[in-house]
């Protein structure tokens, strides 16, 4: 398998946006990408050129942007990372959907592969564990709500 080119978090966002727009609308136009990311069209053009140089996007001026096979593979991998983190935040940490989605979007770029795998495995463990049933997860959710209402201590908590 060919080595995936290194991408910045910003370029990953462009790639993910192109994949999402293509799935939703059938295509990804520069103006739609710009609107989705809240940037100028000229900024999108620069990012598309960079992604094209890396072999992840097919792009020519005034044309639609499409993912190459390699770009689709990277976008699928990114979507998988995002979903693991989002589900962990919602299912295990009992965060609301909107906060979990925004947080997962930030975390997906820098989370180590081993940490990501542990999050996935822990979420799976909690879902399957007979001692961590729905009642315990709901009790944790209630605990979080109750404890979050009190004064916040920004210090580090020891788990020992």
Foldseek 3Di string as FASTA:
>chain_A
DDDQDDDALVLLLLLLQQVVCCVVPVFADLVNSCVVVVHDSVVSVVSLVVCVVSVQWDDDPPDTIDGDPSSVVSNVVLVVLLVLQLCLCCQPVVDDNVVSNVVSSVPSRDDDPVVSVVSNVVSVCLPPPPVNDPVNSVVNNVVCVVVVVDDDDPDDDDPD
